[in-house]
Amino acid sequence: MNIPTWVWLVTIAGFGFVLAVDFYLVARNPRNPSFRECTWWVTFYVLLAVAFGVGLLAVAGPAYGGEFFAGWITEYSLSVDNLFVFLLIMSRFSVPERYRQKVLLIGIVLALVMRGIFIAAGAEAVARFDWLFYLFGAFLIYTAWKLIGHEDEEAEFSENIALRTVRRVVPTTESYHGSALTAMVNGRRAVTPMLIVMVAIGTTDLLFALDSIPAIFGLTKEPYLVFTANAFALMGLRQLFFLIGGLLDRLIYLSKGLSIVLAFIGVKLVLEALHHDGVSWAPEVPIMVSLGVIVGTLAVTTVASLMASRKGRRDSGAPAAPAAPEGEPAASGAPAVPVAPEGGPAGKRSEAHADG
């Protein structure tokens, strides 16, 4: 795709405007959002991504439109998996309930900026070094294997290098000072846990990009599509956190589905690299086949997860959690860290990267 500079600028400005409006609403009224509010926002962001994809189909053709949808769905699914770790981080740092929206939003903005840099570097490297596709493919297959191999281990959050460096170098306070990022303690300026947890979410999401960015480069080589798919996957993640935070423990097969998707994209990358290197038996996998495999795998694993969770609750005699009524908070108090049912929690992908 030959994307003019002004299209890039308009696209980035559009994302910036939406995030600015989101930040204004959070800063004006810090609180836990209602179930209905979260539903409306998540629906809005999904429809916005779909409208963008349909526009690509009309302007650039079905190939690029299909690449965007395949990339967006993959990145969005991996972002849902990230929410489990966000729950762990919120619990680990005891973030006050009313400030969780702000922490999530700023952490997501940091992640989007860092991913943009990562994508630019990755696009330049891919354009110069074709052998990187073999490396990306092998890494995705390895990540898929690690997902399955860690299923029965207990998930936990470990501070990464960036977070440990901030703690060691910058003076920090022991307690929160409202929503302030810094505070004066004994005549000395120090950062509060509010800034620390934002760094934790932003840098942890960047570590997740170590497999999500190669995965989307396995679906499209266009930097514009890689960036927009990532941006749409991250936008609305704040509301999704409150909307399905209590349901993540029911997605017991999500890690299996993600491992299948990552392994498929890894094999696809290797096959296409071989094809471009002149290996006659190696096929190119059409984007519509990729899209079908991704959507089909995630749909099957989601339905199977919900059915297994419902059966488990019925067999144990545990009552189903009541849905939040309209106008009420989506979660009262701190969102509890999900207890992993048989089959493991949704967030096992974090264990490959949490130590950074």
Protein backbone atom coordinates (compact mmCIF):
# COMPACT_ATOMS: atom_id res chain seq x y z
CA MET A 1 0.00 0.00 0.00
CA ASN A 2 1.20 3.48 -0.85
CA ILE A 3 -0.10 5.51 2.09
CA PRO A 4 0.45 9.29 1.75
CA THR A 5 1.82 11.13 4.77
CA TRP A 6 -1.41 13.07 5.22
CA VAL A 7 -3.38 9.81 5.61
CA TRP A 8 -1.01 8.72 8.38
CA LEU A 9 -1.39 12.10 10.09
CA VAL A 10 -5.19 12.07 9.82
CA THR A 11 -5.34 8.50 11.15
CA ILE A 12 -3.11 9.27 14.14
CA ALA A 13 -5.03 12.49 14.81
CA GLY A 14 -8.30 10.54 14.72
CA PHE A 15 -7.06 8.00 17.26
CA GLY A 16 -5.68 10.84 19.39
CA PHE A 17 -9.02 12.67 19.34
CA VAL A 18 -11.00 9.61 20.43
CA LEU A 19 -8.52 8.86 23.23
CA ALA A 20 -8.60 12.53 24.32
CA VAL A 21 -12.40 12.41 24.61
CA ASP A 22 -12.12 9.14 26.53
CA PHE A 23 -9.54 10.68 28.89
CA TYR A 24 -11.70 13.78 29.44
CA LEU A 25 -14.68 11.65 30.45
CA VAL A 26 -12.53 9.64 32.88
CA ALA A 27 -10.88 12.71 34.42
CA ARG A 28 -14.21 14.49 34.82
CA ASN A 29 -15.84 11.68 36.78
CA PRO A 30 -13.40 9.04 38.15
CA ARG A 31 -15.43 5.95 39.12
CA ASN A 32 -16.24 2.40 38.15
CA PRO A 33 -18.29 2.63 34.92
CA SER A 34 -21.73 1.06 34.75
CA PHE A 35 -22.41 -2.16 32.87
CA ARG A 36 -24.52 -0.31 30.30
CA GLU A 37 -21.85 2.36 29.78
CA CYS A 38 -19.15 -0.28 29.22
CA THR A 39 -21.39 -2.16 26.78
CA TRP A 40 -22.06 0.98 24.74
CA TRP A 41 -18.38 1.97 24.58
CA VAL A 42 -17.15 -1.49 23.64
CA THR A 43 -19.85 -1.69 20.95
CA PHE A 44 -18.83 1.75 19.67
CA TYR A 45 -15.15 0.78 19.35
CA VAL A 46 -15.97 -2.53 17.67
CA LEU A 47 -18.29 -0.82 15.18
CA LEU A 48 -15.62 1.82 14.56
CA ALA A 49 -13.09 -0.89 13.69
CA VAL A 50 -15.62 -2.69 11.48
CA ALA A 51 -16.46 0.57 9.66
CA PHE A 52 -12.74 1.19 9.10
CA GLY A 53 -12.32 -2.34 7.72
CA VAL A 54 -15.33 -1.95 5.42
CA GLY A 55 -13.85 1.34 4.18
CA LEU A 56 -10.59 -0.48 3.41
CA LEU A 57 -12.52 -3.15 1.52
CA ALA A 58 -14.17 -0.45 -0.60
CA VAL A 59 -11.06 1.67 -1.19
CA ALA A 60 -8.15 -0.79 -1.20
CA GLY A 61 -9.84 -4.05 -2.14
CA PRO A 62 -10.70 -7.35 -0.40
CA ALA A 63 -7.08 -8.45 0.09
CA TYR A 64 -6.11 -5.49 2.29
CA GLY A 65 -9.52 -5.41 3.95
CA GLY A 66 -9.20 -9.09 4.82
CA GLU A 67 -5.69 -8.54 6.18
CA PHE A 68 -6.96 -5.78 8.45
CA PHE A 69 -9.83 -7.87 9.82
CA ALA A 70 -7.58 -10.90 10.38
CA GLY A 71 -5.00 -8.73 12.16
CA TRP A 72 -7.54 -6.83 14.24
CA ILE A 73 -9.36 -9.98 15.39
CA THR A 74 -6.06 -11.64 16.32
CA GLU A 75 -4.78 -8.59 18.21
CA TYR A 76 -8.14 -8.06 19.93
CA SER A 77 -8.17 -11.69 21.10
CA LEU A 78 -4.64 -11.37 22.45
CA SER A 79 -5.67 -8.12 24.18
CA VAL A 80 -8.53 -9.94 25.94
CA ASP A 81 -5.94 -12.39 27.21
CA ASN A 82 -3.93 -9.41 28.50
CA LEU A 83 -6.85 -8.34 30.68
CA PHE A 84 -6.16 -11.22 33.05
CA VAL A 85 -2.71 -9.77 33.78
CA PHE A 86 -4.21 -6.28 34.17
CA LEU A 87 -6.44 -7.77 36.87
CA LEU A 88 -3.36 -9.21 38.58
CA ILE A 89 -1.55 -5.85 38.39
CA MET A 90 -4.54 -3.96 39.83
CA SER A 91 -4.72 -6.42 42.70
CA ARG A 92 -0.94 -6.43 43.23
CA PHE A 93 -0.80 -2.62 43.60
CA SER A 94 -4.17 -2.27 45.40
CA VAL A 95 -5.31 0.46 43.01
CA PRO A 96 -8.23 2.47 44.47
CA GLU A 97 -11.43 1.61 42.65
CA ARG A 98 -12.26 5.12 41.49
CA TYR A 99 -8.87 5.57 39.76
CA ARG A 100 -8.74 2.31 37.85
CA GLN A 101 -10.15 3.83 34.67
CA LYS A 102 -7.44 6.50 34.61
CA VAL A 103 -4.67 3.96 35.26
CA LEU A 104 -5.90 1.71 32.46
CA LEU A 105 -6.36 4.52 29.95
CA ILE A 106 -2.92 6.08 30.47
CA GLY A 107 -1.31 2.64 30.49
CA ILE A 108 -3.02 1.86 27.18
CA VAL A 109 -1.87 5.17 25.67
CA LEU A 110 1.71 4.40 26.74
CA ALA A 111 1.38 0.94 25.20
CA LEU A 112 0.05 2.39 21.94
CA VAL A 113 2.97 4.86 21.66
CA MET A 114 5.53 2.13 22.40
CA ARG A 115 3.86 -0.27 19.98
CA GLY A 116 3.97 2.40 17.29
CA ILE A 117 7.75 2.63 17.72
CA PHE A 118 8.02 -1.16 17.78
CA ILE A 119 5.94 -1.46 14.58
CA ALA A 120 8.03 1.16 12.76
CA ALA A 121 11.24 -0.66 13.70
CA GLY A 122 9.73 -4.04 12.79
CA ALA A 123 8.48 -2.84 9.41
CA GLU A 124 11.91 -1.48 8.51
CA ALA A 125 13.62 -4.70 9.64
CA VAL A 126 11.17 -6.89 7.70
CA ALA A 127 11.70 -4.83 4.55
CA ARG A 128 15.48 -5.27 4.79
CA PHE A 129 15.85 -8.82 6.12
CA ASP A 130 13.59 -11.52 4.64
CA TRP A 131 15.05 -14.17 6.97
CA LEU A 132 13.24 -12.50 9.89
CA PHE A 133 10.06 -14.29 8.80
CA TYR A 134 11.67 -17.62 9.63
CA LEU A 135 12.59 -16.21 13.06
CA PHE A 136 9.10 -14.79 13.61
CA GLY A 137 7.48 -18.05 12.57
CA ALA A 138 9.69 -20.14 14.86
CA PHE A 139 9.06 -17.75 17.76
CA LEU A 140 5.27 -17.93 17.33
CA ILE A 141 5.34 -21.73 17.21
CA TYR A 142 7.49 -21.73 20.37
CA THR A 143 5.08 -19.30 22.08
CA ALA A 144 2.14 -21.54 21.17
CA TRP A 145 3.95 -24.53 22.67
CA LYS A 146 4.70 -22.54 25.85
CA LEU A 147 1.04 -21.61 26.14
CA ILE A 148 0.07 -25.28 26.23
CA GLY A 149 3.03 -26.29 28.40
CA HIS A 150 2.18 -23.75 31.14
CA GLU A 151 -1.52 -24.47 31.33
CA ASP A 152 -1.46 -26.12 34.72
CA GLU A 153 0.85 -23.63 36.41
CA GLU A 154 -0.42 -20.90 38.69
CA ALA A 155 -0.48 -17.48 37.02
CA GLU A 156 1.23 -14.60 38.78
CA PHE A 157 2.54 -11.17 37.97
CA SER A 158 6.30 -10.58 38.11
CA GLU A 159 7.77 -7.11 37.80
CA ASN A 160 9.65 -6.59 34.53
CA ILE A 161 13.01 -4.87 34.12
CA ALA A 162 11.55 -1.44 33.33
CA LEU A 163 9.36 -1.48 36.43
CA ARG A 164 12.19 -2.67 38.68
CA THR A 165 14.43 0.08 37.28
CA VAL A 166 11.85 2.78 38.04
CA ARG A 167 11.48 1.49 41.59
CA ARG A 168 15.25 1.40 42.13
CA VAL A 169 16.15 4.75 40.55
CA VAL A 170 13.18 6.97 41.42
CA PRO A 171 12.05 7.65 45.01
CA THR A 172 8.53 6.33 45.55
CA THR A 173 5.86 6.88 48.20
CA GLU A 174 4.32 4.05 50.17
CA SER A 175 0.70 5.14 49.65
CA TYR A 176 -1.50 6.75 47.00
CA HIS A 177 -2.02 10.53 47.01
CA GLY A 178 -5.34 10.67 45.21
CA SER A 179 -4.74 10.42 41.46
CA ALA A 180 -1.47 12.39 41.61
CA LEU A 181 1.56 10.88 39.91
CA THR A 182 4.03 12.64 42.22
CA ALA A 183 3.92 14.00 45.76
CA MET A 184 6.15 15.88 48.22
CA VAL A 185 7.36 13.65 51.08
CA ASN A 186 9.66 15.13 53.72
CA GLY A 187 10.51 17.99 51.39
CA ARG A 188 11.43 15.65 48.54
CA ARG A 189 9.53 15.00 45.31
CA ALA A 190 8.64 11.31 44.87
CA VAL A 191 6.47 9.33 42.48
CA THR A 192 3.34 7.63 43.78
CA PRO A 193 2.17 4.05 43.19
CA MET A 194 -0.23 5.55 40.63
CA LEU A 195 2.68 6.19 38.25
CA ILE A 196 4.26 2.82 39.06
CA VAL A 197 1.12 0.88 38.14
CA MET A 198 0.75 2.85 34.88
CA VAL A 199 4.32 1.90 33.99
CA ALA A 200 3.52 -1.70 34.94
CA ILE A 201 0.53 -1.89 32.60
CA GLY A 202 2.23 -0.05 29.73
CA THR A 203 5.47 -2.04 29.81
CA THR A 204 3.72 -5.36 30.41
CA ASP A 205 1.58 -4.73 27.32
CA LEU A 206 4.76 -3.97 25.36
CA LEU A 207 6.15 -7.35 26.43
CA PHE A 208 3.00 -8.96 25.07
CA ALA A 209 3.82 -7.27 21.75
CA LEU A 210 6.79 -9.64 21.45
CA ASP A 211 4.37 -12.23 20.11
CA SER A 212 1.41 -10.11 18.95
CA ILE A 213 3.48 -7.91 16.59
CA PRO A 214 5.17 -10.89 14.84
CA ALA A 215 1.72 -12.53 14.66
CA ILE A 216 0.18 -9.64 12.76
CA PHE A 217 3.24 -9.30 10.50
CA GLY A 218 2.44 -12.90 9.61
CA LEU A 219 -0.95 -11.74 8.35
CA THR A 220 0.02 -8.48 6.63
CA LYS A 221 3.28 -6.79 5.69
CA GLU A 222 1.67 -3.34 5.52
CA PRO A 223 2.79 -1.07 8.42
CA TYR A 224 -0.40 0.99 8.12
CA LEU A 225 -2.60 -2.08 8.63
CA VAL A 226 -0.37 -3.34 11.45
CA PHE A 227 -0.64 -0.01 13.28
CA THR A 228 -4.38 0.49 12.81
CA ALA A 229 -5.19 -3.11 13.80
CA ASN A 230 -3.15 -2.68 17.01
CA ALA A 231 -4.69 0.72 17.73
CA PHE A 232 -8.26 -0.55 17.33
CA ALA A 233 -7.44 -3.59 19.48
CA LEU A 234 -6.17 -1.37 22.32
CA MET A 235 -8.94 1.22 22.10
CA GLY A 236 -11.87 0.21 24.26
CA LEU A 237 -9.70 -2.12 26.34
CA ARG A 238 -10.46 0.01 29.40
CA GLN A 239 -14.21 -0.55 29.12
CA LEU A 240 -13.68 -4.20 28.21
CA PHE A 241 -11.74 -4.62 31.46
CA PHE A 242 -14.80 -3.62 33.50
CA LEU A 243 -17.25 -5.37 31.20
CA ILE A 244 -15.78 -8.89 31.22
CA GLY A 245 -13.29 -8.75 34.11
CA GLY A 246 -15.43 -11.11 36.16
CA LEU A 247 -15.97 -13.45 33.22
CA LEU A 248 -12.33 -14.13 32.33
CA ASP A 249 -12.23 -17.19 34.59
CA ARG A 250 -14.93 -18.76 32.39
CA LEU A 251 -12.82 -18.56 29.23
CA ILE A 252 -10.92 -21.68 30.26
CA TYR A 253 -10.01 -22.71 26.72
CA LEU A 254 -8.96 -19.26 25.46
CA SER A 255 -5.27 -20.04 25.87
CA LYS A 256 -5.76 -23.21 23.78
CA GLY A 257 -7.45 -21.20 21.05
CA LEU A 258 -4.72 -18.57 21.10
CA SER A 259 -2.03 -21.24 20.94
CA ILE A 260 -3.69 -22.72 17.84
CA VAL A 261 -3.92 -19.27 16.22
CA LEU A 262 -0.29 -18.39 16.99
CA ALA A 263 0.95 -21.81 15.79
CA PHE A 264 -1.07 -21.46 12.56
CA ILE A 265 0.36 -17.99 11.86
CA GLY A 266 3.87 -19.25 12.67
CA VAL A 267 3.56 -22.13 10.19
CA LYS A 268 2.04 -19.73 7.63
CA LEU A 269 5.03 -17.39 8.01
CA VAL A 270 7.55 -20.19 7.48
CA LEU A 271 5.67 -21.61 4.46
CA GLU A 272 5.36 -18.22 2.78
CA ALA A 273 9.04 -17.43 3.44
CA LEU A 274 9.97 -20.76 1.82
CA HIS A 275 7.64 -19.99 -1.11
CA HIS A 276 9.29 -16.61 -1.68
CA ASP A 277 12.69 -18.30 -1.54
CA GLY A 278 11.68 -20.55 -4.44
CA VAL A 279 10.67 -23.76 -2.64
CA SER A 280 8.09 -25.23 -5.02
CA TRP A 281 6.09 -27.31 -2.53
CA ALA A 282 5.59 -24.45 -0.04
CA PRO A 283 2.23 -22.73 -0.65
CA GLU A 284 1.08 -19.18 0.02
CA VAL A 285 -1.86 -19.21 2.43
CA PRO A 286 -4.69 -16.90 1.20
CA ILE A 287 -5.74 -14.25 3.69
CA MET A 288 -9.36 -15.47 3.62
CA VAL A 289 -8.18 -18.92 4.76
CA SER A 290 -6.25 -17.25 7.59
CA LEU A 291 -9.29 -15.19 8.56
CA GLY A 292 -11.49 -18.30 8.56
CA VAL A 293 -9.06 -20.27 10.74
CA ILE A 294 -8.71 -17.41 13.23
CA VAL A 295 -12.43 -16.65 13.55
CA GLY A 296 -13.41 -20.33 13.60
CA THR A 297 -10.83 -21.28 16.25
CA LEU A 298 -11.72 -18.40 18.57
CA ALA A 299 -15.46 -19.00 18.15
CA VAL A 300 -15.17 -22.71 18.93
CA THR A 301 -12.93 -22.18 21.98
CA THR A 302 -15.18 -19.41 23.35
CA VAL A 303 -18.36 -21.49 23.01
CA ALA A 304 -16.62 -24.56 24.44
CA SER A 305 -15.31 -22.49 27.38
CA LEU A 306 -18.72 -21.09 28.25
CA MET A 307 -20.38 -24.50 27.96
CA ALA A 308 -17.72 -26.16 30.15
CA SER A 309 -17.93 -23.38 32.76
CA ARG A 310 -21.72 -23.63 32.88
CA LYS A 311 -21.52 -27.41 33.27
CA GLY A 312 -18.92 -27.03 36.04
CA ARG A 313 -21.11 -24.59 37.97
CA ARG A 314 -24.14 -26.82 37.52
CA ASP A 315 -22.27 -29.92 38.73
CA SER A 316 -20.88 -28.07 41.75
CA GLY A 317 -24.23 -26.49 42.56
CA ALA A 318 -22.72 -22.98 42.54
CA PRO A 319 -25.20 -20.27 41.49
CA ALA A 320 -24.37 -18.25 38.39
CA ALA A 321 -23.12 -14.72 39.01
CA PRO A 322 -25.99 -12.26 38.44
CA ALA A 323 -25.54 -9.76 35.64
CA ALA A 324 -25.13 -6.16 36.69
CA PRO A 325 -28.41 -4.27 36.17
CA GLU A 326 -28.44 -1.28 33.89
CA GLY A 327 -27.03 1.81 35.52
CA GLU A 328 -25.17 -0.14 38.20
CA PRO A 329 -21.39 -0.56 38.39
CA ALA A 330 -20.07 -3.44 36.33
CA ALA A 331 -18.14 -4.66 39.36
CA SER A 332 -18.55 -3.67 42.98
CA GLY A 333 -15.30 -3.08 44.81
CA ALA A 334 -12.01 -4.31 43.46
CA PRO A 335 -12.30 -6.75 40.57
CA ALA A 336 -11.31 -10.07 42.06
CA VAL A 337 -8.44 -11.95 40.50
CA PRO A 338 -10.13 -14.92 38.83
CA VAL A 339 -9.57 -18.31 40.38
CA ALA A 340 -8.45 -20.65 37.64
CA PRO A 341 -11.00 -23.39 36.99
CA GLU A 342 -9.97 -26.76 35.72
CA GLY A 343 -8.16 -26.13 32.45
CA GLY A 344 -6.33 -22.98 33.58
CA PRO A 345 -7.09 -19.26 33.37
CA ALA A 346 -7.26 -17.20 30.25
CA GLY A 347 -4.10 -15.27 30.95
CA LYS A 348 -1.40 -17.93 30.64
CA ARG A 349 0.23 -16.15 27.71
CA SER A 350 1.67 -13.69 30.26
CA GLU A 351 3.98 -16.25 31.82
CA ALA A 352 6.27 -16.33 28.80
CA HIS A 353 6.93 -12.58 29.16
CA ALA A 354 6.12 -11.46 32.71
CA ASP A 355 9.73 -11.47 33.92
CA GLY A 356 10.92 -9.34 30.99
